[in-house]
Amino acid sequence: MSRLARWPRISHIDTAVQLKAKPGVWHRIGVYRSTTSAKSVAWGIRTAMGRQGQSYQPTGAFDAHTKQYGDHTAVIARYVGEAGR
């Protein structure tokens, strides 16, 4: 069995800046092979915790969820403002 090709890396710092530029607008952050990975990224964005979560400070300023696309799972996020939801 061959190794799967790497998927493009996501710059969460750049993504957070782009989301802040258009508050309230949903954007696709990335597509993941694993639902678990996608849910972990969405949790990190919502809570501003974890490896990628540091880019989405302060806690509650961003909203995120997952969406199924065939065999893959996408993370969708938006900036809701520093006052939170």
PDB file of N, CA and C in Angstrom:
ATOM      1  N   MET A   1       0.848  -1.179   0.000  1.00  0.00           N
ATOM      2  CA  MET A   1       0.000   0.000   0.000  1.00  0.00           C
ATOM      3  C   MET A   1       0.892   1.241   0.000  1.00  0.00           C
ATOM      4  N   SER A   2       0.609   2.167  -0.887  1.00  0.00           N
ATOM      5  CA  SER A   2       1.427   3.378  -0.965  1.00  0.00           C
ATOM      6  C   SER A   2       0.947   4.413   0.042  1.00  0.00           C
ATOM      7  N   ARG A   3       1.849   5.317   0.376  1.00  0.00           N
ATOM      8  CA  ARG A   3       1.493   6.402   1.288  1.00  0.00           C
ATOM      9  C   ARG A   3       0.640   7.424   0.558  1.00  0.00           C
ATOM     10  N   LEU A   4      -0.280   8.009   1.279  1.00  0.00           N
ATOM     11  CA  LEU A   4      -1.128   9.041   0.694  1.00  0.00           C
ATOM     12  C   LEU A   4      -0.332  10.333   0.545  1.00  0.00           C
ATOM     13  N   ALA A   5      -0.617  11.060  -0.511  1.00  0.00           N
ATOM     14  CA  ALA A   5       0.037  12.348  -0.720  1.00  0.00           C
ATOM     15  C   ALA A   5      -0.382  13.309   0.390  1.00  0.00           C
ATOM     16  N   ARG A   6       0.519  14.176   0.779  1.00  0.00           N
ATOM     17  CA  ARG A   6       0.198  15.174   1.806  1.00  0.00           C
ATOM     18  C   ARG A   6      -0.822  16.168   1.286  1.00  0.00           C
ATOM     19  N   TRP A   7      -1.718  16.539   2.144  1.00  0.00           N
ATOM     20  CA  TRP A   7      -2.684  17.570   1.804  1.00  0.00           C
ATOM     21  C   TRP A   7      -2.053  18.913   2.130  1.00  0.00           C
ATOM     22  N   PRO A   8      -2.513  19.962   1.492  1.00  0.00           N
ATOM     23  CA  PRO A   8      -1.920  21.284   1.756  1.00  0.00           C
ATOM     24  C   PRO A   8      -2.058  21.673   3.229  1.00  0.00           C
ATOM     25  N   ARG A   9      -1.017  22.260   3.762  1.00  0.00           N
ATOM     26  CA  ARG A   9      -1.057  22.760   5.137  1.00  0.00           C
ATOM     27  C   ARG A   9      -1.863  24.045   5.180  1.00  0.00           C
ATOM     28  N   ILE A  10      -2.523  24.262   6.293  1.00  0.00           N
ATOM     29  CA  ILE A  10      -3.347  25.457   6.472  1.00  0.00           C
ATOM     30  C   ILE A  10      -2.625  26.407   7.403  1.00  0.00           C
ATOM     31  N   SER A  11      -2.482  27.651   6.992  1.00  0.00           N
ATOM     32  CA  SER A  11      -1.910  28.678   7.863  1.00  0.00           C
ATOM     33  C   SER A  11      -3.059  29.268   8.674  1.00  0.00           C
ATOM     34  N   HIS A  12      -3.178  28.847   9.920  1.00  0.00           N
ATOM     35  CA  HIS A  12      -4.289  29.322  10.742  1.00  0.00           C
ATOM     36  C   HIS A  12      -4.143  30.795  11.092  1.00  0.00           C
ATOM     37  N   ILE A  13      -2.921  31.292  11.134  1.00  0.00           N
ATOM     38  CA  ILE A  13      -2.723  32.724  11.392  1.00  0.00           C
ATOM     39  C   ILE A  13      -3.318  33.529  10.250  1.00  0.00           C
ATOM     40  N   ASP A  14      -2.982  33.158   9.007  1.00  0.00           N
ATOM     41  CA  ASP A  14      -3.532  33.855   7.835  1.00  0.00           C
ATOM     42  C   ASP A  14      -5.044  33.695   7.751  1.00  0.00           C
ATOM     43  N   THR A  15      -5.530  32.502   8.076  1.00  0.00           N
ATOM     44  CA  THR A  15      -6.963  32.236   8.018  1.00  0.00           C
ATOM     45  C   THR A  15      -7.716  33.114   9.013  1.00  0.00           C
ATOM     46  N   ALA A  16      -7.194  33.256  10.224  1.00  0.00           N
ATOM     47  CA  ALA A  16      -7.843  34.102  11.235  1.00  0.00           C
ATOM     48  C   ALA A  16      -7.917  35.550  10.760  1.00  0.00           C
ATOM     49  N   VAL A  17      -6.859  36.031  10.129  1.00  0.00           N
ATOM     50  CA  VAL A  17      -6.850  37.401   9.597  1.00  0.00           C
ATOM     51  C   VAL A  17      -7.919  37.553   8.513  1.00  0.00           C
ATOM     52  N   GLN A  18      -8.025  36.564   7.631  1.00  0.00           N
ATOM     53  CA  GLN A  18      -9.032  36.607   6.561  1.00  0.00           C
ATOM     54  C   GLN A  18     -10.448  36.578   7.127  1.00  0.00           C
ATOM     55  N   LEU A  19     -10.677  35.775   8.164  1.00  0.00           N
ATOM     56  CA  LEU A  19     -12.006  35.714   8.777  1.00  0.00           C
ATOM     57  C   LEU A  19     -12.365  37.044   9.442  1.00  0.00           C
ATOM     58  N   LYS A  20     -11.388  37.672  10.101  1.00  0.00           N
ATOM     59  CA  LYS A  20     -11.637  38.959  10.755  1.00  0.00           C
ATOM     60  C   LYS A  20     -11.970  40.056   9.744  1.00  0.00           C
ATOM     61  N   ALA A  21     -11.457  39.913   8.531  1.00  0.00           N
ATOM     62  CA  ALA A  21     -11.708  40.916   7.491  1.00  0.00           C
ATOM     63  C   ALA A  21     -13.157  40.884   7.007  1.00  0.00           C
ATOM     64  N   LYS A  22     -13.850  39.746   7.210  1.00  0.00           N
ATOM     65  CA  LYS A  22     -15.245  39.604   6.781  1.00  0.00           C
ATOM     66  C   LYS A  22     -16.069  38.992   7.910  1.00  0.00           C
ATOM     67  N   PRO A  23     -16.364  39.766   8.959  1.00  0.00           N
ATOM     68  CA  PRO A  23     -17.103  39.232  10.105  1.00  0.00           C
ATOM     69  C   PRO A  23     -18.455  38.646   9.697  1.00  0.00           C
ATOM     70  N   GLY A  24     -18.785  37.505  10.297  1.00  0.00           N
ATOM     71  CA  GLY A  24     -20.080  36.874  10.079  1.00  0.00           C
ATOM     72  C   GLY A  24     -20.186  36.014   8.832  1.00  0.00           C
ATOM     73  N   VAL A  25     -19.190  36.065   7.960  1.00  0.00           N
ATOM     74  CA  VAL A  25     -19.221  35.303   6.711  1.00  0.00           C
ATOM     75  C   VAL A  25     -18.532  33.955   6.937  1.00  0.00           C
ATOM     76  N   TRP A  26     -19.225  32.860   6.570  1.00  0.00           N
ATOM     77  CA  TRP A  26     -18.667  31.515   6.724  1.00  0.00           C
ATOM     78  C   TRP A  26     -17.646  31.242   5.625  1.00  0.00           C
ATOM     79  N   HIS A  27     -16.514  30.649   6.004  1.00  0.00           N
ATOM     80  CA  HIS A  27     -15.458  30.272   5.064  1.00  0.00           C
ATOM     81  C   HIS A  27     -15.051  28.831   5.318  1.00  0.00           C
ATOM     82  N   ARG A  28     -14.704  28.122   4.264  1.00  0.00           N
ATOM     83  CA  ARG A  28     -14.173  26.768   4.434  1.00  0.00           C
ATOM     84  C   ARG A  28     -12.705  26.888   4.815  1.00  0.00           C
ATOM     85  N   ILE A  29     -12.357  26.330   5.959  1.00  0.00           N
ATOM     86  CA  ILE A  29     -10.989  26.393   6.466  1.00  0.00           C
ATOM     87  C   ILE A  29     -10.120  25.326   5.827  1.00  0.00           C
ATOM     88  N   GLY A  30     -10.638  24.121   5.748  1.00  0.00           N
ATOM     89  CA  GLY A  30      -9.881  23.022   5.167  1.00  0.00           C
ATOM     90  C   GLY A  30     -10.726  21.773   5.094  1.00  0.00           C
ATOM     91  N   VAL A  31     -10.223  20.785   4.361  1.00  0.00           N
ATOM     92  CA  VAL A  31     -10.897  19.500   4.216  1.00  0.00           C
ATOM     93  C   VAL A  31      -9.971  18.440   4.790  1.00  0.00           C
ATOM     94  N   TYR A  32     -10.537  17.550   5.593  1.00  0.00           N
ATOM     95  CA  TYR A  32      -9.760  16.539   6.310  1.00  0.00           C
ATOM     96  C   TYR A  32     -10.255  15.146   5.956  1.00  0.00           C
ATOM     97  N   ARG A  33      -9.337  14.191   5.911  1.00  0.00           N
ATOM     98  CA  ARG A  33      -9.708  12.801   5.644  1.00  0.00           C
ATOM     99  C   ARG A  33     -10.473  12.207   6.814  1.00  0.00           C
ATOM    100  N   SER A  34     -10.129  12.644   8.007  1.00  0.00           N
ATOM    101  CA  SER A  34     -10.702  12.086   9.230  1.00  0.00           C
ATOM    102  C   SER A  34     -11.714  13.051   9.845  1.00  0.00           C
ATOM    103  N   THR A  35     -12.895  12.541  10.165  1.00  0.00           N
ATOM    104  CA  THR A  35     -13.901  13.352  10.860  1.00  0.00           C
ATOM    105  C   THR A  35     -13.386  13.785  12.217  1.00  0.00           C
ATOM    106  N   THR A  36     -12.643  12.902  12.871  1.00  0.00           N
ATOM    107  CA  THR A  36     -12.089  13.221  14.185  1.00  0.00           C
ATOM    108  C   THR A  36     -11.135  14.407  14.097  1.00  0.00           C
ATOM    109  N   SER A  37     -10.281  14.420  13.093  1.00  0.00           N
ATOM    110  CA  SER A  37      -9.348  15.540  12.905  1.00  0.00           C
ATOM    111  C   SER A  37     -10.104  16.837  12.652  1.00  0.00           C
ATOM    112  N   ALA A  38     -11.105  16.775  11.794  1.00  0.00           N
ATOM    113  CA  ALA A  38     -11.885  17.969  11.477  1.00  0.00           C
ATOM    114  C   ALA A  38     -12.597  18.506  12.719  1.00  0.00           C
ATOM    115  N   LYS A  39     -13.191  17.610  13.499  1.00  0.00           N
ATOM    116  CA  LYS A  39     -13.873  18.044  14.724  1.00  0.00           C
ATOM    117  C   LYS A  39     -12.894  18.650  15.723  1.00  0.00           C
ATOM    118  N   SER A  40     -11.683  18.117  15.776  1.00  0.00           N
ATOM    119  CA  SER A  40     -10.659  18.652  16.663  1.00  0.00           C
ATOM    120  C   SER A  40     -10.263  20.069  16.248  1.00  0.00           C
ATOM    121  N   VAL A  41     -10.115  20.294  14.959  1.00  0.00           N
ATOM    122  CA  VAL A  41      -9.775  21.626  14.456  1.00  0.00           C
ATOM    123  C   VAL A  41     -10.917  22.602  14.749  1.00  0.00           C
ATOM    124  N   ALA A  42     -12.152  22.196  14.496  1.00  0.00           N
ATOM    125  CA  ALA A  42     -13.304  23.066  14.763  1.00  0.00           C
ATOM    126  C   ALA A  42     -13.379  23.416  16.250  1.00  0.00           C
ATOM    127  N   TRP A  43     -13.126  22.438  17.117  1.00  0.00           N
ATOM    128  CA  TRP A  43     -13.120  22.688  18.556  1.00  0.00           C
ATOM    129  C   TRP A  43     -12.028  23.689  18.912  1.00  0.00           C
ATOM    130  N   GLY A  44     -10.845  23.521  18.323  1.00  0.00           N
ATOM    131  CA  GLY A  44      -9.735  24.439  18.588  1.00  0.00           C
ATOM    132  C   GLY A  44     -10.046  25.863  18.183  1.00  0.00           C
ATOM    133  N   ILE A  45     -10.755  26.016  17.062  1.00  0.00           N
ATOM    134  CA  ILE A  45     -11.138  27.348  16.596  1.00  0.00           C
ATOM    135  C   ILE A  45     -12.155  27.971  17.554  1.00  0.00           C
ATOM    136  N   ARG A  46     -13.178  27.212  17.938  1.00  0.00           N
ATOM    137  CA  ARG A  46     -14.227  27.738  18.840  1.00  0.00           C
ATOM    138  C   ARG A  46     -13.683  28.095  20.210  1.00  0.00           C
ATOM    139  N   THR A  47     -12.789  27.275  20.738  1.00  0.00           N
ATOM    140  CA  THR A  47     -12.306  27.468  22.108  1.00  0.00           C
ATOM    141  C   THR A  47     -10.992  28.230  22.190  1.00  0.00           C
ATOM    142  N   ALA A  48     -10.368  28.502  21.037  1.00  0.00           N
ATOM    143  CA  ALA A  48      -9.053  29.156  20.974  1.00  0.00           C
ATOM    144  C   ALA A  48      -8.017  28.361  21.755  1.00  0.00           C
ATOM    145  N   MET A  49      -8.147  27.041  21.724  1.00  0.00           N
ATOM    146  CA  MET A  49      -7.215  26.162  22.434  1.00  0.00           C
ATOM    147  C   MET A  49      -6.585  25.193  21.442  1.00  0.00           C
ATOM    148  N   GLY A  50      -5.559  24.515  21.887  1.00  0.00           N
ATOM    149  CA  GLY A  50      -4.895  23.538  21.033  1.00  0.00           C
ATOM    150  C   GLY A  50      -3.881  24.198  20.129  1.00  0.00           C
ATOM    151  N   ARG A  51      -3.282  23.381  19.280  1.00  0.00           N
ATOM    152  CA  ARG A  51      -2.206  23.861  18.405  1.00  0.00           C
ATOM    153  C   ARG A  51      -2.671  24.977  17.484  1.00  0.00           C
ATOM    154  N   GLN A  52      -3.783  24.795  16.784  1.00  0.00           N
ATOM    155  CA  GLN A  52      -4.257  25.810  15.855  1.00  0.00           C
ATOM    156  C   GLN A  52      -5.060  26.895  16.548  1.00  0.00           C
ATOM    157  N   GLY A  53      -5.591  26.603  17.721  1.00  0.00           N
ATOM    158  CA  GLY A  53      -6.470  27.542  18.418  1.00  0.00           C
ATOM    159  C   GLY A  53      -5.819  28.838  18.829  1.00  0.00           C
ATOM    160  N   GLN A  54      -4.505  28.844  18.986  1.00  0.00           N
ATOM    161  CA  GLN A  54      -3.801  30.064  19.394  1.00  0.00           C
ATOM    162  C   GLN A  54      -4.016  31.199  18.399  1.00  0.00           C
ATOM    163  N   SER A  55      -4.284  30.853  17.156  1.00  0.00           N
ATOM    164  CA  SER A  55      -4.503  31.870  16.120  1.00  0.00           C
ATOM    165  C   SER A  55      -5.881  32.511  16.219  1.00  0.00           C
ATOM    166  N   TYR A  56      -6.793  31.889  16.959  1.00  0.00           N
ATOM    167  CA  TYR A  56      -8.191  32.325  16.999  1.00  0.00           C
ATOM    168  C   TYR A  56      -8.565  32.918  18.354  1.00  0.00           C
ATOM    169  N   GLN A  57      -7.662  33.707  18.918  1.00  0.00           N
ATOM    170  CA  GLN A  57      -7.899  34.370  20.192  1.00  0.00           C
ATOM    171  C   GLN A  57      -8.772  35.601  19.967  1.00  0.00           C
ATOM    172  N   PRO A  58      -9.550  36.044  20.929  1.00  0.00           N
ATOM    173  CA  PRO A  58      -9.849  35.428  22.218  1.00  0.00           C
ATOM    174  C   PRO A  58     -10.914  34.347  22.079  1.00  0.00           C
ATOM    175  N   THR A  59     -11.060  33.564  23.120  1.00  0.00           N
ATOM    176  CA  THR A  59     -12.049  32.495  23.141  1.00  0.00           C
ATOM    177  C   THR A  59     -13.437  33.059  22.837  1.00  0.00           C
ATOM    178  N   GLY A  60     -14.157  32.406  21.934  1.00  0.00           N
ATOM    179  CA  GLY A  60     -15.510  32.825  21.589  1.00  0.00           C
ATOM    180  C   GLY A  60     -15.589  33.816  20.446  1.00  0.00           C
ATOM    181  N   ALA A  61     -14.454  34.288  19.938  1.00  0.00           N
ATOM    182  CA  ALA A  61     -14.473  35.264  18.851  1.00  0.00           C
ATOM    183  C   ALA A  61     -14.756  34.613  17.499  1.00  0.00           C
ATOM    184  N   PHE A  62     -14.587  33.281  17.419  1.00  0.00           N
ATOM    185  CA  PHE A  62     -14.804  32.553  16.176  1.00  0.00           C
ATOM    186  C   PHE A  62     -15.780  31.409  16.416  1.00  0.00           C
ATOM    187  N   ASP A  63     -16.559  31.095  15.409  1.00  0.00           N
ATOM    188  CA  ASP A  63     -17.470  29.955  15.456  1.00  0.00           C
ATOM    189  C   ASP A  63     -17.021  28.986  14.364  1.00  0.00           C
ATOM    190  N   ALA A  64     -17.157  27.694  14.616  1.00  0.00           N
ATOM    191  CA  ALA A  64     -16.733  26.704  13.621  1.00  0.00           C
ATOM    192  C   ALA A  64     -17.555  25.436  13.776  1.00  0.00           C
ATOM    193  N   HIS A  65     -17.737  24.728  12.657  1.00  0.00           N
ATOM    194  CA  HIS A  65     -18.387  23.423  12.684  1.00  0.00           C
ATOM    195  C   HIS A  65     -17.864  22.599  11.524  1.00  0.00           C
ATOM    196  N   THR A  66     -18.269  21.352  11.471  1.00  0.00           N
ATOM    197  CA  THR A  66     -17.826  20.456  10.396  1.00  0.00           C
ATOM    198  C   THR A  66     -18.979  20.161   9.453  1.00  0.00           C
ATOM    199  N   LYS A  67     -18.614  19.786   8.218  1.00  0.00           N
ATOM    200  CA  LYS A  67     -19.609  19.444   7.211  1.00  0.00           C
ATOM    201  C   LYS A  67     -19.050  18.309   6.362  1.00  0.00           C
ATOM    202  N   GLN A  68     -19.851  17.284   6.135  1.00  0.00           N
ATOM    203  CA  GLN A  68     -19.416  16.127   5.344  1.00  0.00           C
ATOM    204  C   GLN A  68     -19.444  16.442   3.857  1.00  0.00           C
ATOM    205  N   TYR A  69     -18.388  16.052   3.160  1.00  0.00           N
ATOM    206  CA  TYR A  69     -18.284  16.129   1.705  1.00  0.00           C
ATOM    207  C   TYR A  69     -17.819  14.771   1.221  1.00  0.00           C
ATOM    208  N   GLY A  70     -18.742  13.884   0.941  1.00  0.00           N
ATOM    209  CA  GLY A  70     -18.380  12.540   0.510  1.00  0.00           C
ATOM    210  C   GLY A  70     -17.605  11.807   1.598  1.00  0.00           C
ATOM    211  N   ASP A  71     -16.397  11.377   1.263  1.00  0.00           N
ATOM    212  CA  ASP A  71     -15.559  10.650   2.217  1.00  0.00           C
ATOM    213  C   ASP A  71     -14.749  11.573   3.122  1.00  0.00           C
ATOM    214  N   HIS A  72     -14.843  12.871   2.930  1.00  0.00           N
ATOM    215  CA  HIS A  72     -14.027  13.818   3.679  1.00  0.00           C
ATOM    216  C   HIS A  72     -14.911  14.737   4.519  1.00  0.00           C
ATOM    217  N   THR A  73     -14.276  15.435   5.448  1.00  0.00           N
ATOM    218  CA  THR A  73     -14.997  16.349   6.325  1.00  0.00           C
ATOM    219  C   THR A  73     -14.341  17.720   6.247  1.00  0.00           C
ATOM    220  N   ALA A  74     -15.138  18.749   6.009  1.00  0.00           N
ATOM    221  CA  ALA A  74     -14.631  20.117   5.934  1.00  0.00           C
ATOM    222  C   ALA A  74     -14.891  20.834   7.250  1.00  0.00           C
ATOM    223  N   VAL A  75     -14.037  21.809   7.547  1.00  0.00           N
ATOM    224  CA  VAL A  75     -14.236  22.696   8.685  1.00  0.00           C
ATOM    225  C   VAL A  75     -14.649  24.048   8.122  1.00  0.00           C
ATOM    226  N   ILE A  76     -15.764  24.550   8.620  1.00  0.00           N
ATOM    227  CA  ILE A  76     -16.316  25.839   8.217  1.00  0.00           C
ATOM    228  C   ILE A  76     -16.242  26.757   9.435  1.00  0.00           C
ATOM    229  N   ALA A  77     -15.799  28.013   9.240  1.00  0.00           N
ATOM    230  CA  ALA A  77     -15.671  28.927  10.380  1.00  0.00           C
ATOM    231  C   ALA A  77     -16.041  30.342   9.982  1.00  0.00           C
ATOM    232  N   ARG A  78     -16.315  31.152  11.000  1.00  0.00           N
ATOM    233  CA  ARG A  78     -16.586  32.575  10.798  1.00  0.00           C
ATOM    234  C   ARG A  78     -16.131  33.346  12.030  1.00  0.00           C
ATOM    235  N   TYR A  79     -15.887  34.622  11.839  1.00  0.00           N
ATOM    236  CA  TYR A  79     -15.528  35.519  12.931  1.00  0.00           C
ATOM    237  C   TYR A  79     -16.809  36.157  13.431  1.00  0.00           C
ATOM    238  N   VAL A  80     -17.061  36.057  14.736  1.00  0.00           N
ATOM    239  CA  VAL A  80     -18.295  36.625  15.299  1.00  0.00           C
ATOM    240  C   VAL A  80     -18.039  37.856  16.153  1.00  0.00           C
ATOM    241  N   GLY A  81     -16.793  38.214  16.321  1.00  0.00           N
ATOM    242  CA  GLY A  81     -16.446  39.395  17.104  1.00  0.00           C
ATOM    243  C   GLY A  81     -15.918  39.032  18.473  1.00  0.00           C
ATOM    244  N   GLU A  82     -15.217  39.953  19.059  1.00  0.00           N
ATOM    245  CA  GLU A  82     -14.567  39.693  20.332  1.00  0.00           C
ATOM    246  C   GLU A  82     -15.535  39.629  21.501  1.00  0.00           C
ATOM    247  N   ALA A  83     -16.770  40.086  21.297  1.00  0.00           N
ATOM    248  CA  ALA A  83     -17.766  39.973  22.348  1.00  0.00           C
ATOM    249  C   ALA A  83     -18.328  38.557  22.417  1.00  0.00           C
ATOM    250  N   GLY A  84     -17.994  37.741  21.424  1.00  0.00           N
ATOM    251  CA  GLY A  84     -18.490  36.362  21.385  1.00  0.00           C
ATOM    252  C   GLY A  84     -19.830  36.261  20.710  1.00  0.00           C
ATOM    253  N   ARG A  85     -20.432  35.075  20.828  1.00  0.00           N
ATOM    254  CA  ARG A  85     -21.708  34.841  20.154  1.00  0.00           C
ATOM    255  C   ARG A  85     -22.855  35.380  20.927  1.00  0.00           C
TER     256      ARG A  85
END
